[in-house]
Amino acid sequence: MKWCCPGFEAFYGNAGQQGAGILVGRNSIGEPEFTMQYRAVDKKEKLPVNSENPVASVVDIGMQYCPWCGCKLEKWYGKNVDTLYRPELKITSP
């Protein structure tokens, strides 16, 4: 895989762990989709917070451009989306 920059590669590798990571996949109509995901705890862990208010353990934010180098992600990774897809890291409804 030829990465657009070291930042994108590093954050892609961090997906599923506490902190920020990059997910690559397809949206509901099959178009490439790129997501910055923030996790309060590792995917295997439960959020250790007792709160009267809801607390998000994972937040997904869609993106079109690399936040580090600015390249258009669909143009750079479009042909490799299915290779980079890791469905087990996506947020799913209970």
N, C-alpha and C. Protein backbone atom coordinates (compact mmCIF):
# COMPACT_ATOMS: atom_id res chain seq x y z
N MET A 1 0.85 -1.18 0.00
CA MET A 1 0.00 0.00 0.00
C MET A 1 0.89 1.23 0.00
N LYS A 2 0.63 2.14 -0.90
CA LYS A 2 1.32 3.43 -0.90
C LYS A 2 0.42 4.43 -0.18
N TRP A 3 0.83 4.88 0.98
CA TRP A 3 0.06 5.80 1.80
C TRP A 3 0.27 7.23 1.32
N CYS A 4 -0.72 8.08 1.53
CA CYS A 4 -0.59 9.48 1.11
C CYS A 4 0.43 10.20 1.98
N CYS A 5 0.56 9.79 3.26
CA CYS A 5 1.52 10.42 4.17
C CYS A 5 1.68 9.55 5.42
N PRO A 6 2.73 9.77 6.19
CA PRO A 6 2.94 8.98 7.41
C PRO A 6 1.83 9.16 8.45
N GLY A 7 1.22 10.34 8.52
CA GLY A 7 0.14 10.58 9.48
C GLY A 7 -1.05 9.69 9.22
N PHE A 8 -1.48 9.60 7.96
CA PHE A 8 -2.64 8.78 7.62
C PHE A 8 -2.33 7.31 7.92
N GLU A 9 -1.15 6.86 7.56
CA GLU A 9 -0.76 5.47 7.81
C GLU A 9 -0.78 5.16 9.31
N ALA A 10 -0.23 6.05 10.11
CA ALA A 10 -0.16 5.83 11.56
C ALA A 10 -1.56 5.77 12.18
N PHE A 11 -2.43 6.68 11.79
CA PHE A 11 -3.77 6.70 12.37
C PHE A 11 -4.63 5.55 11.86
N TYR A 12 -4.40 5.09 10.62
CA TYR A 12 -5.07 3.90 10.13
C TYR A 12 -4.67 2.71 11.01
N GLY A 13 -3.41 2.63 11.36
CA GLY A 13 -2.92 1.54 12.21
C GLY A 13 -3.43 1.61 13.64
N ASN A 14 -3.83 2.77 14.10
CA ASN A 14 -4.31 2.95 15.47
C ASN A 14 -5.80 2.66 15.64
N ALA A 15 -6.52 2.45 14.56
CA ALA A 15 -7.97 2.23 14.65
C ALA A 15 -8.29 1.06 15.57
N GLY A 16 -9.30 1.25 16.41
CA GLY A 16 -9.73 0.23 17.36
C GLY A 16 -9.09 0.38 18.72
N GLN A 17 -8.07 1.23 18.82
CA GLN A 17 -7.40 1.48 20.08
C GLN A 17 -7.85 2.82 20.65
N GLN A 18 -7.58 3.03 21.91
CA GLN A 18 -7.93 4.30 22.55
C GLN A 18 -7.26 5.45 21.79
N GLY A 19 -8.03 6.53 21.57
CA GLY A 19 -7.52 7.68 20.83
C GLY A 19 -8.13 7.73 19.45
N ALA A 20 -7.41 8.37 18.53
CA ALA A 20 -7.92 8.57 17.17
C ALA A 20 -7.41 7.50 16.22
N GLY A 21 -8.25 7.14 15.27
CA GLY A 21 -7.89 6.18 14.24
C GLY A 21 -8.65 6.48 12.96
N ILE A 22 -8.23 5.88 11.87
CA ILE A 22 -8.86 6.06 10.56
C ILE A 22 -9.52 4.75 10.13
N LEU A 23 -10.76 4.87 9.67
CA LEU A 23 -11.48 3.73 9.08
C LEU A 23 -11.73 4.02 7.61
N VAL A 24 -11.67 2.98 6.79
CA VAL A 24 -11.95 3.09 5.36
C VAL A 24 -13.00 2.04 5.04
N GLY A 25 -13.98 2.40 4.24
CA GLY A 25 -15.02 1.46 3.87
C GLY A 25 -15.90 2.01 2.78
N ARG A 26 -17.14 1.57 2.79
CA ARG A 26 -18.13 2.04 1.81
C ARG A 26 -19.39 2.46 2.55
N ASN A 27 -20.06 3.48 2.00
CA ASN A 27 -21.31 3.93 2.61
C ASN A 27 -22.46 3.05 2.13
N SER A 28 -23.67 3.40 2.49
CA SER A 28 -24.84 2.56 2.19
C SER A 28 -25.13 2.42 0.70
N ILE A 29 -24.58 3.30 -0.12
CA ILE A 29 -24.79 3.17 -1.58
C ILE A 29 -23.53 2.73 -2.30
N GLY A 30 -22.55 2.25 -1.54
CA GLY A 30 -21.35 1.64 -2.12
C GLY A 30 -20.22 2.59 -2.47
N GLU A 31 -20.33 3.86 -2.13
CA GLU A 31 -19.26 4.80 -2.42
C GLU A 31 -18.18 4.71 -1.35
N PRO A 32 -16.92 5.01 -1.69
CA PRO A 32 -15.86 5.01 -0.68
C PRO A 32 -16.19 5.97 0.46
N GLU A 33 -15.84 5.55 1.67
CA GLU A 33 -16.13 6.34 2.87
C GLU A 33 -14.90 6.32 3.78
N PHE A 34 -14.54 7.50 4.28
CA PHE A 34 -13.36 7.65 5.13
C PHE A 34 -13.81 8.29 6.43
N THR A 35 -13.40 7.71 7.54
CA THR A 35 -13.89 8.14 8.85
C THR A 35 -12.74 8.30 9.83
N MET A 36 -12.74 9.43 10.54
CA MET A 36 -11.85 9.61 11.69
C MET A 36 -12.66 9.14 12.89
N GLN A 37 -12.13 8.19 13.63
CA GLN A 37 -12.84 7.63 14.77
C GLN A 37 -12.05 7.93 16.05
N TYR A 38 -12.77 8.42 17.05
CA TYR A 38 -12.17 8.69 18.36
C TYR A 38 -12.76 7.71 19.37
N ARG A 39 -11.91 6.99 20.07
CA ARG A 39 -12.35 6.02 21.08
C ARG A 39 -11.87 6.45 22.45
N ALA A 40 -12.79 6.47 23.42
CA ALA A 40 -12.43 6.79 24.80
C ALA A 40 -11.61 5.66 25.42
N VAL A 41 -11.89 4.44 24.99
CA VAL A 41 -11.17 3.26 25.47
C VAL A 41 -10.96 2.31 24.29
N ASP A 42 -10.07 1.34 24.43
CA ASP A 42 -9.86 0.34 23.39
C ASP A 42 -11.16 -0.37 23.07
N LYS A 43 -11.28 -0.89 21.85
CA LYS A 43 -12.49 -1.57 21.41
C LYS A 43 -12.90 -2.69 22.36
N LYS A 44 -11.95 -3.38 22.96
CA LYS A 44 -12.24 -4.51 23.85
C LYS A 44 -12.73 -4.08 25.23
N GLU A 45 -12.50 -2.83 25.59
CA GLU A 45 -12.81 -2.33 26.93
C GLU A 45 -14.22 -1.75 27.00
N LYS A 46 -14.76 -1.71 28.19
CA LYS A 46 -16.02 -1.03 28.45
C LYS A 46 -15.70 0.33 29.04
N LEU A 47 -16.54 1.31 28.76
CA LEU A 47 -16.33 2.66 29.27
C LEU A 47 -16.54 2.65 30.78
N PRO A 48 -15.51 2.96 31.59
CA PRO A 48 -15.62 2.89 33.04
C PRO A 48 -16.15 4.18 33.67
N VAL A 49 -17.30 4.63 33.18
CA VAL A 49 -17.85 5.89 33.68
C VAL A 49 -19.29 5.66 34.13
N ASN A 50 -19.57 6.07 35.36
CA ASN A 50 -20.94 6.05 35.85
C ASN A 50 -21.41 7.49 35.82
N SER A 51 -22.39 7.77 34.95
CA SER A 51 -22.84 9.15 34.78
C SER A 51 -24.34 9.18 34.56
N GLU A 52 -24.98 10.23 35.06
CA GLU A 52 -26.40 10.41 34.81
C GLU A 52 -26.65 10.83 33.37
N ASN A 53 -25.63 11.39 32.74
CA ASN A 53 -25.74 11.83 31.35
C ASN A 53 -25.07 10.82 30.43
N PRO A 54 -25.56 10.68 29.21
CA PRO A 54 -24.92 9.74 28.28
C PRO A 54 -23.48 10.17 27.97
N VAL A 55 -22.61 9.19 27.86
CA VAL A 55 -21.22 9.43 27.53
C VAL A 55 -20.89 8.58 26.31
N ALA A 56 -20.33 9.21 25.26
CA ALA A 56 -19.98 8.48 24.05
C ALA A 56 -18.63 7.80 24.23
N SER A 57 -18.59 6.50 23.98
CA SER A 57 -17.31 5.79 24.05
C SER A 57 -16.59 5.85 22.70
N VAL A 58 -17.36 6.08 21.62
CA VAL A 58 -16.80 6.17 20.27
C VAL A 58 -17.52 7.27 19.50
N VAL A 59 -16.76 8.06 18.76
CA VAL A 59 -17.33 9.11 17.91
C VAL A 59 -16.72 8.97 16.52
N ASP A 60 -17.55 8.96 15.49
CA ASP A 60 -17.10 8.89 14.10
C ASP A 60 -17.35 10.21 13.39
N ILE A 61 -16.36 10.68 12.63
CA ILE A 61 -16.49 11.90 11.85
C ILE A 61 -16.04 11.60 10.42
N GLY A 62 -16.91 11.81 9.46
CA GLY A 62 -16.57 11.58 8.07
C GLY A 62 -15.58 12.61 7.56
N MET A 63 -14.78 12.21 6.58
CA MET A 63 -13.81 13.15 6.00
C MET A 63 -13.61 12.84 4.52
N GLN A 64 -13.24 13.87 3.78
CA GLN A 64 -12.98 13.73 2.35
C GLN A 64 -11.51 13.96 2.01
N TYR A 65 -10.82 14.69 2.88
CA TYR A 65 -9.42 15.03 2.65
C TYR A 65 -8.57 14.56 3.83
N CYS A 66 -7.33 14.21 3.56
CA CYS A 66 -6.42 13.81 4.61
C CYS A 66 -6.14 15.01 5.51
N PRO A 67 -6.31 14.87 6.82
CA PRO A 67 -6.07 16.00 7.72
C PRO A 67 -4.60 16.38 7.86
N TRP A 68 -3.69 15.53 7.40
CA TRP A 68 -2.25 15.82 7.52
C TRP A 68 -1.65 16.37 6.23
N CYS A 69 -1.99 15.79 5.09
CA CYS A 69 -1.36 16.25 3.84
C CYS A 69 -2.34 16.92 2.88
N GLY A 70 -3.64 16.78 3.13
CA GLY A 70 -4.64 17.45 2.31
C GLY A 70 -5.07 16.75 1.04
N CYS A 71 -4.57 15.54 0.78
CA CYS A 71 -4.95 14.87 -0.47
C CYS A 71 -6.43 14.46 -0.42
N LYS A 72 -7.05 14.38 -1.60
CA LYS A 72 -8.44 13.92 -1.70
C LYS A 72 -8.42 12.41 -1.51
N LEU A 73 -9.03 11.92 -0.45
CA LEU A 73 -8.93 10.52 -0.06
C LEU A 73 -9.53 9.56 -1.09
N GLU A 74 -10.67 9.90 -1.66
CA GLU A 74 -11.27 9.00 -2.64
C GLU A 74 -10.37 8.84 -3.86
N LYS A 75 -9.73 9.91 -4.27
CA LYS A 75 -8.83 9.84 -5.42
C LYS A 75 -7.60 8.98 -5.10
N TRP A 76 -7.04 9.15 -3.89
CA TRP A 76 -5.81 8.43 -3.52
C TRP A 76 -6.09 6.96 -3.21
N TYR A 77 -7.16 6.67 -2.45
CA TYR A 77 -7.41 5.31 -1.96
C TYR A 77 -8.59 4.60 -2.62
N GLY A 78 -9.27 5.26 -3.55
CA GLY A 78 -10.49 4.71 -4.13
C GLY A 78 -10.39 3.28 -4.62
N LYS A 79 -9.29 2.92 -5.26
CA LYS A 79 -9.13 1.56 -5.80
C LYS A 79 -8.79 0.54 -4.72
N ASN A 80 -8.42 1.00 -3.53
CA ASN A 80 -8.00 0.10 -2.44
C ASN A 80 -8.99 0.05 -1.28
N VAL A 81 -10.15 0.65 -1.44
CA VAL A 81 -11.11 0.73 -0.34
C VAL A 81 -11.44 -0.65 0.23
N ASP A 82 -11.72 -1.60 -0.63
CA ASP A 82 -12.11 -2.92 -0.13
C ASP A 82 -10.96 -3.64 0.58
N THR A 83 -9.73 -3.39 0.18
CA THR A 83 -8.56 -3.96 0.84
C THR A 83 -8.37 -3.35 2.23
N LEU A 84 -8.67 -2.06 2.37
CA LEU A 84 -8.46 -1.34 3.63
C LEU A 84 -9.64 -1.46 4.60
N TYR A 85 -10.74 -2.04 4.15
CA TYR A 85 -11.96 -2.13 4.95
C TYR A 85 -11.80 -3.09 6.12
N ARG A 86 -12.17 -2.63 7.32
CA ARG A 86 -12.13 -3.46 8.54
C ARG A 86 -13.47 -3.30 9.25
N PRO A 87 -14.48 -4.08 8.84
CA PRO A 87 -15.85 -3.89 9.35
C PRO A 87 -15.99 -4.06 10.86
N GLU A 88 -15.11 -4.81 11.48
CA GLU A 88 -15.20 -5.04 12.93
C GLU A 88 -14.92 -3.77 13.74
N LEU A 89 -14.38 -2.74 13.12
CA LEU A 89 -14.07 -1.49 13.83
C LEU A 89 -15.15 -0.44 13.72
N LYS A 90 -16.14 -0.67 12.86
CA LYS A 90 -17.23 0.30 12.71
C LYS A 90 -18.16 0.29 13.92
N ILE A 91 -18.78 1.43 14.16
CA ILE A 91 -19.81 1.52 15.19
C ILE A 91 -21.05 0.82 14.67
N THR A 92 -21.62 -0.07 15.47
CA THR A 92 -22.84 -0.74 15.09
C THR A 92 -23.90 -0.51 16.15
N SER A 93 -25.14 -0.53 15.73
CA SER A 93 -26.25 -0.35 16.69
C SER A 93 -26.44 -1.63 17.48
N PRO A 94 -26.74 -1.52 18.78
CA PRO A 94 -26.95 -2.73 19.60
C PRO A 94 -28.22 -3.46 19.22
